[in-house]
Amino acid sequence: MNSSSRTVTQSKSRIYVLKPLKPITADTTAITTPSPNTSVDSLIAAKLPVRKIQSLHPTQRPVPTPGKCVIKLGLDVDLQKITVATQYDHSAIKPVAAFSVAELLPWIRQRLAEGHVVWTVYEACGFGYTLHHQLTTAGAHNLLIGPVRLDPQRRRKNDGLDARALCTRLSRYLDGQED
């Protein structure tokens, strides 16, 4: 081995071979990190992933078409079902409903096609970011929150109450409360 190109370090019983990094040239940075002014067509031609950036600043939030509303969904995710609490604009939260992922995504797409804006929130759980990617691909604006005890006075877990609490927190967040 050429000692100038590799460095060998030994730590107790393991030996690590460290390779020097290749310098990044101007051509590779243009391909791997597109500029904000890059068009979607050029990204597709370069076979780079096209990501829809979620704007969370209150002045950049999407506005529904006239006569339509902002739909807020609090999702309590379980293995077999998703318990959903729904709020239209600032009306009262509707009774909870149970959906599967296969039922929820077309429902969201239909509301978006009607001209509504859909926001969803759920607690991070052991299912990873699969549901997040499915919701954002469907067109919803999704937020993830860390697992938290939503109601400290309750002793039992209830999916409907958790979904309502998440919907309430989402509504307050969209109104400007950041806590």
C-alpha atoms as a PDB file:
ATOM      1  CA  MET A   1       0.000   0.000   0.000  1.00  0.00           C
ATOM      2  CA  ASN A   2       1.086   3.480  -0.749  1.00  0.00           C
ATOM      3  CA  SER A   3       1.310   5.380   2.540  1.00  0.00           C
ATOM      4  CA  SER A   4       0.768   8.737   0.865  1.00  0.00           C
ATOM      5  CA  SER A   5      -2.724   7.863  -0.391  1.00  0.00           C
ATOM      6  CA  ARG A   6      -4.068   6.061   2.699  1.00  0.00           C
ATOM      7  CA  THR A   7      -3.799   6.467   6.420  1.00  0.00           C
ATOM      8  CA  VAL A   8      -4.091   3.481   8.736  1.00  0.00           C
ATOM      9  CA  THR A   9      -5.212   3.970  12.307  1.00  0.00           C
ATOM     10  CA  GLN A  10      -5.585   1.305  14.924  1.00  0.00           C
ATOM     11  CA  SER A  11      -8.067   1.470  17.780  1.00  0.00           C
ATOM     12  CA  LYS A  12      -7.941  -1.437  20.243  1.00  0.00           C
ATOM     13  CA  SER A  13      -8.899  -4.497  18.148  1.00  0.00           C
ATOM     14  CA  ARG A  14     -10.185  -2.713  15.037  1.00  0.00           C
ATOM     15  CA  ILE A  15      -8.132  -1.351  12.168  1.00  0.00           C
ATOM     16  CA  TYR A  16      -9.607   1.471  10.097  1.00  0.00           C
ATOM     17  CA  VAL A  17      -8.321   2.421   6.664  1.00  0.00           C
ATOM     18  CA  LEU A  18      -9.083   6.054   5.914  1.00  0.00           C
ATOM     19  CA  LYS A  19      -9.208   7.035   2.263  1.00  0.00           C
ATOM     20  CA  PRO A  20      -8.626  10.639   1.246  1.00  0.00           C
ATOM     21  CA  LEU A  21     -11.711  12.394  -0.109  1.00  0.00           C
ATOM     22  CA  LYS A  22     -11.861  13.394  -3.746  1.00  0.00           C
ATOM     23  CA  PRO A  23     -11.976  17.152  -4.270  1.00  0.00           C
ATOM     24  CA  ILE A  24     -15.330  18.467  -5.465  1.00  0.00           C
ATOM     25  CA  THR A  25     -15.131  20.173  -8.806  1.00  0.00           C
ATOM     26  CA  ALA A  26     -17.442  22.899 -10.054  1.00  0.00           C
ATOM     27  CA  ASP A  27     -19.091  20.489 -12.527  1.00  0.00           C
ATOM     28  CA  THR A  28     -20.212  17.995  -9.858  1.00  0.00           C
ATOM     29  CA  THR A  29     -21.658  20.646  -7.545  1.00  0.00           C
ATOM     30  CA  ALA A  30     -23.834  21.984 -10.357  1.00  0.00           C
ATOM     31  CA  ILE A  31     -25.255  18.505 -10.890  1.00  0.00           C
ATOM     32  CA  THR A  32     -25.755  17.425  -7.275  1.00  0.00           C
ATOM     33  CA  THR A  33     -26.994  20.682  -5.740  1.00  0.00           C
ATOM     34  CA  PRO A  34     -29.340  22.599  -8.021  1.00  0.00           C
ATOM     35  CA  SER A  35     -29.690  26.322  -7.584  1.00  0.00           C
ATOM     36  CA  PRO A  36     -33.053  27.821  -6.588  1.00  0.00           C
ATOM     37  CA  ASN A  37     -33.469  29.197 -10.109  1.00  0.00           C
ATOM     38  CA  THR A  38     -33.117  25.760 -11.741  1.00  0.00           C
ATOM     39  CA  SER A  39     -36.221  24.709 -13.666  1.00  0.00           C
ATOM     40  CA  VAL A  40     -38.045  21.456 -13.014  1.00  0.00           C
ATOM     41  CA  ASP A  41     -37.430  20.329 -16.604  1.00  0.00           C
ATOM     42  CA  SER A  42     -33.672  20.570 -16.162  1.00  0.00           C
ATOM     43  CA  LEU A  43     -33.892  18.588 -12.903  1.00  0.00           C
ATOM     44  CA  ILE A  44     -35.883  15.859 -14.624  1.00  0.00           C
ATOM     45  CA  ALA A  45     -33.389  15.821 -17.513  1.00  0.00           C
ATOM     46  CA  ALA A  46     -30.523  15.475 -15.005  1.00  0.00           C
ATOM     47  CA  LYS A  47     -32.517  12.718 -13.189  1.00  0.00           C
ATOM     48  CA  LEU A  48     -32.326  14.546  -9.877  1.00  0.00           C
ATOM     49  CA  PRO A  49     -35.150  14.239  -7.353  1.00  0.00           C
ATOM     50  CA  VAL A  50     -37.679  17.045  -7.622  1.00  0.00           C
ATOM     51  CA  ARG A  51     -38.792  18.144  -4.177  1.00  0.00           C
ATOM     52  CA  LYS A  52     -41.723  20.372  -3.457  1.00  0.00           C
ATOM     53  CA  ILE A  53     -40.554  22.752  -0.745  1.00  0.00           C
ATOM     54  CA  GLN A  54     -43.037  23.212   2.084  1.00  0.00           C
ATOM     55  CA  SER A  55     -43.375  26.831   3.053  1.00  0.00           C
ATOM     56  CA  LEU A  56     -44.161  27.245   6.724  1.00  0.00           C
ATOM     57  CA  HIS A  57     -43.837  30.989   7.108  1.00  0.00           C
ATOM     58  CA  PRO A  58     -47.302  32.537   7.626  1.00  0.00           C
ATOM     59  CA  THR A  59     -46.847  34.961   4.717  1.00  0.00           C
ATOM     60  CA  GLN A  60     -45.974  32.133   2.314  1.00  0.00           C
ATOM     61  CA  ARG A  61     -48.756  29.697   3.188  1.00  0.00           C
ATOM     62  CA  PRO A  62     -51.042  28.596   0.375  1.00  0.00           C
ATOM     63  CA  VAL A  63     -54.437  30.267   0.116  1.00  0.00           C
ATOM     64  CA  PRO A  64     -57.512  28.253  -0.881  1.00  0.00           C
ATOM     65  CA  THR A  65     -59.529  29.249  -3.904  1.00  0.00           C
ATOM     66  CA  PRO A  66     -62.443  31.627  -3.159  1.00  0.00           C
ATOM     67  CA  GLY A  67     -65.328  29.811  -1.503  1.00  0.00           C
ATOM     68  CA  LYS A  68     -63.099  26.960  -0.297  1.00  0.00           C
ATOM     69  CA  CYS A  69     -61.388  26.493   3.064  1.00  0.00           C
ATOM     70  CA  VAL A  70     -58.305  25.265   4.869  1.00  0.00           C
ATOM     71  CA  ILE A  71     -58.827  21.700   6.077  1.00  0.00           C
ATOM     72  CA  LYS A  72     -56.837  20.706   9.166  1.00  0.00           C
ATOM     73  CA  LEU A  73     -56.411  17.011   9.929  1.00  0.00           C
ATOM     74  CA  GLY A  74     -55.119  15.601  13.206  1.00  0.00           C
ATOM     75  CA  LEU A  75     -53.938  12.034  12.575  1.00  0.00           C
ATOM     76  CA  ASP A  76     -53.456   9.394  15.239  1.00  0.00           C
ATOM     77  CA  VAL A  77     -51.538   6.648  13.435  1.00  0.00           C
ATOM     78  CA  ASP A  78     -51.865   2.989  14.395  1.00  0.00           C
ATOM     79  CA  LEU A  79     -50.805  -0.192  12.658  1.00  0.00           C
ATOM     80  CA  GLN A  80     -54.149  -0.953  10.992  1.00  0.00           C
ATOM     81  CA  LYS A  81     -55.905   2.429  10.908  1.00  0.00           C
ATOM     82  CA  ILE A  82     -55.485   6.171  11.049  1.00  0.00           C
ATOM     83  CA  THR A  83     -57.902   8.022  13.315  1.00  0.00           C
ATOM     84  CA  VAL A  84     -58.618  11.440  11.789  1.00  0.00           C
ATOM     85  CA  ALA A  85     -60.071  14.561  13.405  1.00  0.00           C
ATOM     86  CA  THR A  86     -61.099  17.166  10.820  1.00  0.00           C
ATOM     87  CA  GLN A  87     -61.533  20.919  11.153  1.00  0.00           C
ATOM     88  CA  TYR A  88     -62.682  23.195   8.323  1.00  0.00           C
ATOM     89  CA  ASP A  89     -61.226  26.712   8.738  1.00  0.00           C
ATOM     90  CA  HIS A  90     -62.157  27.784  12.277  1.00  0.00           C
ATOM     91  CA  SER A  91     -65.319  25.719  12.724  1.00  0.00           C
ATOM     92  CA  ALA A  92     -65.753  23.083  15.410  1.00  0.00           C
ATOM     93  CA  ILE A  93     -63.747  19.882  15.040  1.00  0.00           C
ATOM     94  CA  LYS A  94     -65.853  17.178  13.393  1.00  0.00           C
ATOM     95  CA  PRO A  95     -66.314  13.740  15.004  1.00  0.00           C
ATOM     96  CA  VAL A  96     -63.336  11.480  14.421  1.00  0.00           C
ATOM     97  CA  ALA A  97     -63.299   8.960  11.593  1.00  0.00           C
ATOM     98  CA  ALA A  98     -61.112   5.943  10.935  1.00  0.00           C
ATOM     99  CA  PHE A  99     -59.309   5.614   7.604  1.00  0.00           C
ATOM    100  CA  SER A 100     -56.732   3.308   6.137  1.00  0.00           C
ATOM    101  CA  VAL A 101     -53.854   4.860   4.205  1.00  0.00           C
ATOM    102  CA  ALA A 102     -55.436   3.628   0.966  1.00  0.00           C
ATOM    103  CA  GLU A 103     -58.660   5.508   1.833  1.00  0.00           C
ATOM    104  CA  LEU A 104     -57.079   8.673   3.257  1.00  0.00           C
ATOM    105  CA  LEU A 105     -54.815   9.595   0.336  1.00  0.00           C
ATOM    106  CA  PRO A 106     -57.597   9.656  -2.330  1.00  0.00           C
ATOM    107  CA  TRP A 107     -59.778  11.636   0.080  1.00  0.00           C
ATOM    108  CA  ILE A 108     -57.014  14.253   0.427  1.00  0.00           C
ATOM    109  CA  ARG A 109     -56.453  14.358  -3.352  1.00  0.00           C
ATOM    110  CA  GLN A 110     -60.185  14.894  -3.900  1.00  0.00           C
ATOM    111  CA  ARG A 111     -60.278  17.832  -1.451  1.00  0.00           C
ATOM    112  CA  LEU A 112     -57.246  19.384  -3.134  1.00  0.00           C
ATOM    113  CA  ALA A 113     -58.878  18.985  -6.554  1.00  0.00           C
ATOM    114  CA  GLU A 114     -61.905  20.862  -5.185  1.00  0.00           C
ATOM    115  CA  GLY A 115     -59.637  23.812  -4.326  1.00  0.00           C
ATOM    116  CA  HIS A 116     -59.173  23.329  -0.578  1.00  0.00           C
ATOM    117  CA  VAL A 117     -55.813  23.516   1.198  1.00  0.00           C
ATOM    118  CA  VAL A 118     -55.070  20.492   3.390  1.00  0.00           C
ATOM    119  CA  TRP A 119     -52.776  20.538   6.439  1.00  0.00           C
ATOM    120  CA  THR A 120     -52.054  17.377   8.430  1.00  0.00           C
ATOM    121  CA  VAL A 121     -50.171  16.641  11.625  1.00  0.00           C
ATOM    122  CA  TYR A 122     -49.240  13.414  13.379  1.00  0.00           C
ATOM    123  CA  GLU A 123     -46.847  12.272  16.064  1.00  0.00           C
ATOM    124  CA  ALA A 124     -43.558  10.726  14.993  1.00  0.00           C
ATOM    125  CA  CYS A 125     -43.742   6.997  15.555  1.00  0.00           C
ATOM    126  CA  GLY A 126     -42.047   3.751  14.625  1.00  0.00           C
ATOM    127  CA  PHE A 127     -43.408   3.739  11.058  1.00  0.00           C
ATOM    128  CA  GLY A 128     -40.739   6.114   9.783  1.00  0.00           C
ATOM    129  CA  TYR A 129     -41.384   8.852   7.235  1.00  0.00           C
ATOM    130  CA  THR A 130     -43.384   6.710   4.799  1.00  0.00           C
ATOM    131  CA  LEU A 131     -46.719   8.319   5.681  1.00  0.00           C
ATOM    132  CA  HIS A 132     -45.139  11.791   5.571  1.00  0.00           C
ATOM    133  CA  HIS A 133     -43.859  11.199   2.034  1.00  0.00           C
ATOM    134  CA  GLN A 134     -47.230   9.773   0.940  1.00  0.00           C
ATOM    135  CA  LEU A 135     -49.105  12.782   2.335  1.00  0.00           C
ATOM    136  CA  THR A 136     -46.783  15.355   0.767  1.00  0.00           C
ATOM    137  CA  THR A 137     -46.860  13.485  -2.552  1.00  0.00           C
ATOM    138  CA  ALA A 138     -50.673  13.607  -2.411  1.00  0.00           C
ATOM    139  CA  GLY A 139     -50.371  17.403  -1.999  1.00  0.00           C
ATOM    140  CA  ALA A 140     -51.058  17.907   1.695  1.00  0.00           C
ATOM    141  CA  HIS A 141     -48.854  20.085   3.880  1.00  0.00           C
ATOM    142  CA  ASN A 142     -47.727  17.698   6.600  1.00  0.00           C
ATOM    143  CA  LEU A 143     -46.135  18.457   9.951  1.00  0.00           C
ATOM    144  CA  LEU A 144     -44.573  15.927  12.298  1.00  0.00           C
ATOM    145  CA  ILE A 145     -44.369  16.517  16.010  1.00  0.00           C
ATOM    146  CA  GLY A 146     -42.377  14.635  18.589  1.00  0.00           C
ATOM    147  CA  PRO A 147     -44.238  12.128  20.750  1.00  0.00           C
ATOM    148  CA  VAL A 148     -45.757  13.942  23.690  1.00  0.00           C
ATOM    149  CA  ARG A 149     -48.344  13.183  26.321  1.00  0.00           C
ATOM    150  CA  LEU A 150     -51.206  15.197  24.864  1.00  0.00           C
ATOM    151  CA  ASP A 151     -53.420  15.249  27.949  1.00  0.00           C
ATOM    152  CA  PRO A 152     -51.583  14.694  31.251  1.00  0.00           C
ATOM    153  CA  GLN A 153     -54.828  14.233  33.194  1.00  0.00           C
ATOM    154  CA  ARG A 154     -55.999  11.239  31.155  1.00  0.00           C
ATOM    155  CA  ARG A 155     -54.973   7.813  32.316  1.00  0.00           C
ATOM    156  CA  ARG A 156     -55.970   5.838  29.235  1.00  0.00           C
ATOM    157  CA  LYS A 157     -54.980   6.268  25.630  1.00  0.00           C
ATOM    158  CA  ASN A 158     -57.850   7.103  23.328  1.00  0.00           C
ATOM    159  CA  ASP A 159     -57.177   7.530  19.614  1.00  0.00           C
ATOM    160  CA  GLY A 160     -60.102   9.898  19.085  1.00  0.00           C
ATOM    161  CA  LEU A 161     -59.055  12.251  21.862  1.00  0.00           C
ATOM    162  CA  ASP A 162     -55.440  12.194  20.659  1.00  0.00           C
ATOM    163  CA  ALA A 163     -56.527  13.027  17.105  1.00  0.00           C
ATOM    164  CA  ARG A 164     -58.644  15.935  18.386  1.00  0.00           C
ATOM    165  CA  ALA A 165     -55.757  17.237  20.508  1.00  0.00           C
ATOM    166  CA  LEU A 166     -53.416  17.082  17.494  1.00  0.00           C
ATOM    167  CA  CYS A 167     -55.973  18.917  15.335  1.00  0.00           C
ATOM    168  CA  THR A 168     -56.323  21.613  18.012  1.00  0.00           C
ATOM    169  CA  ARG A 169     -52.543  22.021  18.197  1.00  0.00           C
ATOM    170  CA  LEU A 170     -52.332  22.276  14.400  1.00  0.00           C
ATOM    171  CA  SER A 171     -55.053  24.917  14.323  1.00  0.00           C
ATOM    172  CA  ARG A 172     -53.290  26.964  16.988  1.00  0.00           C
ATOM    173  CA  TYR A 173     -49.953  26.620  15.170  1.00  0.00           C
ATOM    174  CA  LEU A 174     -51.455  27.831  11.894  1.00  0.00           C
ATOM    175  CA  ASP A 175     -52.985  30.782  13.770  1.00  0.00           C
ATOM    176  CA  GLY A 176     -49.504  31.866  14.868  1.00  0.00           C
ATOM    177  CA  GLN A 177     -48.933  30.144  18.216  1.00  0.00           C
ATOM    178  CA  GLU A 178     -45.499  28.520  18.139  1.00  0.00           C
ATOM    179  CA  ASP A 179     -45.599  26.624  21.438  1.00  0.00           C
END
